Amino acid sequence: MIKVKFLIGDRQHKGFEISGHAGFAESGKDIICAAVSSAAYMAANTITDVIGANADAAAEDGAMSITLNQPDERAETVLKGLELHLTELSKQYPDNIKIIYGGVKNA
């Protein structure tokens, strides 16, 4: 199962942590993993490279995270868009994607 944790602090989106595999199909053919990965990379790249927000990002096999180091309204809008997209996807595939919410470390 893919676990998507949206980091919330001071009533603002501060980032996300994604880990796991959907288990919908074999590796390389899993459309759910591909959809989540594509959306997460688009959000992270928009935040870091297009907007240029001050953020820490990391990605490795089966995991990705991004945390804003300071408030950025445009980056928060991207995070809200990712939340909407992945929440709707989790409604279609509830056995494969779990959305959770948590606080930001050191917030």
N, C-alpha and C. Protein backbone atom coordinates (compact mmCIF):
# COMPACT_ATOMS: atom_id res chain seq x y z
N MET A 1 0.84 -1.18 0.00
CA MET A 1 0.00 0.00 0.00
C MET A 1 0.88 1.24 0.00
N ILE A 2 0.46 2.24 -0.75
CA ILE A 2 1.13 3.54 -0.74
C ILE A 2 0.54 4.36 0.39
N LYS A 3 1.41 4.91 1.22
CA LYS A 3 0.98 5.81 2.30
C LYS A 3 1.43 7.22 1.96
N VAL A 4 0.47 8.12 1.93
CA VAL A 4 0.74 9.53 1.64
C VAL A 4 0.43 10.31 2.90
N LYS A 5 1.45 10.93 3.46
CA LYS A 5 1.26 11.74 4.66
C LYS A 5 1.45 13.21 4.28
N PHE A 6 0.40 14.00 4.47
CA PHE A 6 0.49 15.43 4.25
C PHE A 6 0.87 16.10 5.57
N LEU A 7 1.91 16.89 5.52
CA LEU A 7 2.43 17.57 6.71
C LEU A 7 1.72 18.91 6.86
N ILE A 8 1.11 19.08 8.01
CA ILE A 8 0.34 20.30 8.29
C ILE A 8 0.91 20.94 9.55
N GLY A 9 1.07 22.25 9.52
CA GLY A 9 1.52 23.00 10.68
C GLY A 9 0.96 24.40 10.61
N ASP A 10 0.53 24.92 11.71
CA ASP A 10 -0.06 26.27 11.74
C ASP A 10 -1.16 26.42 10.69
N ARG A 11 -1.96 25.34 10.52
CA ARG A 11 -3.08 25.31 9.57
C ARG A 11 -2.65 25.54 8.12
N GLN A 12 -1.39 25.20 7.82
CA GLN A 12 -0.88 25.34 6.46
C GLN A 12 -0.25 24.02 6.02
N HIS A 13 -0.30 23.76 4.72
CA HIS A 13 0.39 22.61 4.16
C HIS A 13 1.89 22.91 4.15
N LYS A 14 2.67 22.01 4.72
CA LYS A 14 4.11 22.21 4.83
C LYS A 14 4.92 21.22 3.99
N GLY A 15 4.25 20.15 3.50
CA GLY A 15 4.97 19.18 2.70
C GLY A 15 4.24 17.86 2.66
N PHE A 16 4.95 16.83 2.20
CA PHE A 16 4.37 15.48 2.15
C PHE A 16 5.47 14.44 2.28
N GLU A 17 5.07 13.25 2.66
CA GLU A 17 5.93 12.07 2.68
C GLU A 17 5.14 10.94 2.02
N ILE A 18 5.73 10.31 1.04
CA ILE A 18 5.08 9.20 0.35
C ILE A 18 6.00 7.99 0.43
N SER A 19 5.42 6.84 0.79
CA SER A 19 6.22 5.62 0.85
C SER A 19 5.37 4.41 0.49
N GLY A 20 6.04 3.36 0.10
CA GLY A 20 5.39 2.10 -0.18
C GLY A 20 5.10 1.89 -1.65
N HIS A 21 4.51 0.74 -1.93
CA HIS A 21 4.13 0.38 -3.29
C HIS A 21 2.66 -0.03 -3.29
N ALA A 22 1.97 0.27 -4.36
CA ALA A 22 0.53 0.02 -4.43
C ALA A 22 0.20 -1.47 -4.42
N GLY A 23 1.03 -2.28 -5.05
CA GLY A 23 0.74 -3.70 -5.12
C GLY A 23 -0.41 -4.03 -6.05
N PHE A 24 -0.71 -3.13 -6.95
CA PHE A 24 -1.82 -3.32 -7.89
C PHE A 24 -1.42 -4.26 -9.03
N ALA A 25 -0.15 -4.16 -9.44
CA ALA A 25 0.39 -4.99 -10.52
C ALA A 25 1.89 -5.17 -10.28
N GLU A 26 2.52 -5.96 -11.10
CA GLU A 26 3.95 -6.19 -10.93
C GLU A 26 4.72 -4.90 -11.18
N SER A 27 5.92 -4.85 -10.61
CA SER A 27 6.76 -3.67 -10.74
C SER A 27 6.97 -3.32 -12.21
N GLY A 28 6.85 -2.04 -12.52
CA GLY A 28 6.99 -1.58 -13.89
C GLY A 28 5.68 -1.55 -14.67
N LYS A 29 4.64 -2.17 -14.12
CA LYS A 29 3.34 -2.20 -14.79
C LYS A 29 2.21 -1.72 -13.88
N ASP A 30 2.57 -1.18 -12.74
CA ASP A 30 1.59 -0.77 -11.74
C ASP A 30 1.14 0.66 -12.03
N ILE A 31 -0.07 0.80 -12.56
CA ILE A 31 -0.57 2.12 -12.95
C ILE A 31 -0.80 3.04 -11.76
N ILE A 32 -1.09 2.47 -10.60
CA ILE A 32 -1.31 3.31 -9.42
C ILE A 32 0.01 3.90 -8.94
N CYS A 33 1.05 3.07 -8.87
CA CYS A 33 2.37 3.60 -8.51
C CYS A 33 2.81 4.67 -9.49
N ALA A 34 2.57 4.43 -10.77
CA ALA A 34 2.96 5.40 -11.79
C ALA A 34 2.21 6.72 -11.62
N ALA A 35 0.92 6.64 -11.34
CA ALA A 35 0.11 7.85 -11.17
C ALA A 35 0.56 8.66 -9.96
N VAL A 36 0.79 7.98 -8.84
CA VAL A 36 1.22 8.67 -7.62
C VAL A 36 2.61 9.26 -7.81
N SER A 37 3.52 8.48 -8.38
CA SER A 37 4.89 8.97 -8.61
C SER A 37 4.90 10.19 -9.52
N SER A 38 4.16 10.12 -10.60
CA SER A 38 4.11 11.23 -11.54
C SER A 38 3.59 12.50 -10.88
N ALA A 39 2.51 12.37 -10.13
CA ALA A 39 1.93 13.53 -9.46
C ALA A 39 2.90 14.11 -8.42
N ALA A 40 3.55 13.23 -7.66
CA ALA A 40 4.48 13.68 -6.61
C ALA A 40 5.69 14.38 -7.22
N TYR A 41 6.26 13.80 -8.28
CA TYR A 41 7.40 14.45 -8.93
C TYR A 41 7.01 15.79 -9.53
N MET A 42 5.84 15.87 -10.14
CA MET A 42 5.39 17.13 -10.71
C MET A 42 5.26 18.19 -9.61
N ALA A 43 4.67 17.81 -8.48
CA ALA A 43 4.51 18.75 -7.38
C ALA A 43 5.87 19.18 -6.82
N ALA A 44 6.74 18.21 -6.57
CA ALA A 44 8.06 18.53 -6.00
C ALA A 44 8.88 19.40 -6.95
N ASN A 45 8.88 19.07 -8.24
CA ASN A 45 9.64 19.86 -9.21
C ASN A 45 9.07 21.26 -9.37
N THR A 46 7.75 21.39 -9.32
CA THR A 46 7.14 22.71 -9.40
C THR A 46 7.54 23.55 -8.19
N ILE A 47 7.49 22.95 -7.02
CA ILE A 47 7.84 23.68 -5.79
C ILE A 47 9.30 24.11 -5.78
N THR A 48 10.21 23.18 -6.13
CA THR A 48 11.63 23.49 -6.03
C THR A 48 12.20 24.22 -7.24
N ASP A 49 11.83 23.79 -8.46
CA ASP A 49 12.47 24.33 -9.65
C ASP A 49 11.70 25.44 -10.35
N VAL A 50 10.38 25.40 -10.31
CA VAL A 50 9.59 26.44 -10.97
C VAL A 50 9.36 27.61 -10.03
N ILE A 51 8.82 27.32 -8.85
CA ILE A 51 8.56 28.38 -7.87
C ILE A 51 9.85 28.82 -7.20
N GLY A 52 10.75 27.87 -6.97
CA GLY A 52 12.00 28.19 -6.29
C GLY A 52 11.83 28.34 -4.79
N ALA A 53 10.85 27.63 -4.22
CA ALA A 53 10.60 27.71 -2.78
C ALA A 53 11.76 27.09 -2.00
N ASN A 54 11.97 27.60 -0.81
CA ASN A 54 12.98 27.06 0.09
C ASN A 54 12.41 25.78 0.70
N ALA A 55 12.87 24.63 0.19
CA ALA A 55 12.31 23.35 0.62
C ALA A 55 13.38 22.27 0.58
N ASP A 56 13.20 21.27 1.42
CA ASP A 56 14.05 20.09 1.40
C ASP A 56 13.28 18.98 0.71
N ALA A 57 13.89 18.38 -0.31
CA ALA A 57 13.24 17.29 -1.05
C ALA A 57 14.17 16.09 -1.11
N ALA A 58 13.57 14.91 -1.08
CA ALA A 58 14.35 13.67 -1.18
C ALA A 58 13.51 12.62 -1.90
N ALA A 59 14.19 11.78 -2.67
CA ALA A 59 13.49 10.69 -3.36
C ALA A 59 14.42 9.50 -3.46
N GLU A 60 13.86 8.33 -3.23
CA GLU A 60 14.57 7.07 -3.42
C GLU A 60 13.53 6.03 -3.77
N ASP A 61 13.95 4.84 -4.09
CA ASP A 61 13.00 3.81 -4.51
C ASP A 61 11.92 3.61 -3.46
N GLY A 62 10.69 3.89 -3.85
CA GLY A 62 9.56 3.66 -2.97
C GLY A 62 9.30 4.73 -1.94
N ALA A 63 10.01 5.87 -2.02
CA ALA A 63 9.78 6.93 -1.03
C ALA A 63 10.13 8.30 -1.62
N MET A 64 9.37 9.30 -1.21
CA MET A 64 9.62 10.67 -1.62
C MET A 64 9.10 11.60 -0.53
N SER A 65 9.80 12.71 -0.33
CA SER A 65 9.32 13.70 0.64
C SER A 65 9.75 15.10 0.21
N ILE A 66 8.98 16.05 0.68
CA ILE A 66 9.34 17.45 0.52
C ILE A 66 8.79 18.20 1.72
N THR A 67 9.58 19.10 2.26
CA THR A 67 9.16 19.91 3.39
C THR A 67 9.56 21.35 3.13
N LEU A 68 8.59 22.25 3.23
CA LEU A 68 8.88 23.67 3.07
C LEU A 68 9.62 24.17 4.30
N ASN A 69 10.69 24.92 4.08
CA ASN A 69 11.47 25.48 5.20
C ASN A 69 10.93 26.82 5.67
N GLN A 70 10.12 27.44 4.84
CA GLN A 70 9.47 28.69 5.21
C GLN A 70 8.16 28.78 4.45
N PRO A 71 7.22 29.53 4.95
CA PRO A 71 5.92 29.63 4.28
C PRO A 71 6.07 30.14 2.85
N ASP A 72 5.30 29.57 1.95
CA ASP A 72 5.28 30.00 0.56
C ASP A 72 3.89 29.70 0.01
N GLU A 73 3.14 30.74 -0.23
CA GLU A 73 1.74 30.59 -0.65
C GLU A 73 1.60 29.80 -1.95
N ARG A 74 2.48 30.05 -2.90
CA ARG A 74 2.40 29.33 -4.18
C ARG A 74 2.72 27.85 -4.00
N ALA A 75 3.70 27.54 -3.18
CA ALA A 75 4.05 26.14 -2.92
C ALA A 75 2.91 25.44 -2.17
N GLU A 76 2.29 26.16 -1.25
CA GLU A 76 1.16 25.57 -0.53
C GLU A 76 0.00 25.26 -1.48
N THR A 77 -0.21 26.10 -2.47
CA THR A 77 -1.25 25.85 -3.46
C THR A 77 -0.95 24.56 -4.23
N VAL A 78 0.30 24.35 -4.59
CA VAL A 78 0.70 23.11 -5.28
C VAL A 78 0.44 21.91 -4.37
N LEU A 79 0.78 22.02 -3.08
CA LEU A 79 0.55 20.92 -2.14
C LEU A 79 -0.94 20.62 -2.00
N LYS A 80 -1.76 21.65 -1.97
CA LYS A 80 -3.21 21.44 -1.90
C LYS A 80 -3.74 20.75 -3.16
N GLY A 81 -3.18 21.11 -4.31
CA GLY A 81 -3.56 20.45 -5.55
C GLY A 81 -3.17 18.98 -5.54
N LEU A 82 -1.98 18.67 -5.04
CA LEU A 82 -1.54 17.28 -4.92
C LEU A 82 -2.45 16.52 -3.96
N GLU A 83 -2.81 17.16 -2.86
CA GLU A 83 -3.71 16.52 -1.90
C GLU A 83 -5.05 16.17 -2.56
N LEU A 84 -5.62 17.10 -3.30
CA LEU A 84 -6.89 16.85 -3.98
C LEU A 84 -6.75 15.69 -4.96
N HIS A 85 -5.70 15.73 -5.77
CA HIS A 85 -5.49 14.70 -6.78
C HIS A 85 -5.33 13.31 -6.13
N LEU A 86 -4.48 13.20 -5.12
CA LEU A 86 -4.24 11.89 -4.51
C LEU A 86 -5.41 11.42 -3.65
N THR A 87 -6.15 12.35 -3.07
CA THR A 87 -7.35 11.96 -2.31
C THR A 87 -8.39 11.36 -3.24
N GLU A 88 -8.59 11.97 -4.39
CA GLU A 88 -9.55 11.43 -5.36
C GLU A 88 -9.08 10.07 -5.89
N LEU A 89 -7.78 9.94 -6.12
CA LEU A 89 -7.23 8.66 -6.57
C LEU A 89 -7.41 7.59 -5.50
N SER A 90 -7.25 7.97 -4.23
CA SER A 90 -7.42 7.00 -3.14
C SER A 90 -8.86 6.53 -3.01
N LYS A 91 -9.80 7.36 -3.43
CA LYS A 91 -11.21 6.94 -3.41
C LYS A 91 -11.47 5.86 -4.47
N GLN A 92 -10.75 5.94 -5.57
CA GLN A 92 -10.88 4.93 -6.62
C GLN A 92 -10.15 3.64 -6.26
N TYR A 93 -9.07 3.77 -5.50
CA TYR A 93 -8.23 2.63 -5.14
C TYR A 93 -7.96 2.60 -3.63
N PRO A 94 -9.00 2.42 -2.83
CA PRO A 94 -8.84 2.50 -1.37
C PRO A 94 -7.97 1.39 -0.78
N ASP A 95 -7.80 0.29 -1.47
CA ASP A 95 -6.95 -0.79 -0.98
C ASP A 95 -5.48 -0.58 -1.32
N ASN A 96 -5.19 0.47 -2.09
CA ASN A 96 -3.83 0.68 -2.57
C ASN A 96 -3.20 2.00 -2.13
N ILE A 97 -4.02 2.97 -1.74
CA ILE A 97 -3.51 4.28 -1.33
C ILE A 97 -4.20 4.70 -0.04
N LYS A 98 -3.40 5.11 0.93
CA LYS A 98 -3.93 5.61 2.20
C LYS A 98 -3.41 7.03 2.42
N ILE A 99 -4.32 7.96 2.68
CA ILE A 99 -3.98 9.35 2.95
C ILE A 99 -4.03 9.58 4.46
N ILE A 100 -2.97 10.15 5.01
CA ILE A 100 -2.94 10.47 6.44
C ILE A 100 -2.40 11.91 6.59
N TYR A 101 -2.61 12.45 7.77
CA TYR A 101 -2.18 13.82 8.06
C TYR A 101 -1.35 13.82 9.32
N GLY A 102 -0.34 14.69 9.34
CA GLY A 102 0.49 14.78 10.53
C GLY A 102 1.14 16.14 10.62
N GLY A 103 1.74 16.37 11.75
CA GLY A 103 2.44 17.64 11.97
C GLY A 103 3.82 17.61 11.36
N VAL A 104 4.41 18.77 11.30
CA VAL A 104 5.74 18.92 10.75
C VAL A 104 6.76 18.77 11.87
N LYS A 105 7.81 18.02 11.62
CA LYS A 105 8.89 17.90 12.59
C LYS A 105 9.50 19.27 12.82
N ASN A 106 9.80 19.57 14.06
CA ASN A 106 10.42 20.84 14.44
C ASN A 106 9.57 22.06 14.10
N ALA A 107 8.26 21.86 13.99
CA ALA A 107 7.40 23.01 13.68
C ALA A 107 6.89 23.66 14.95
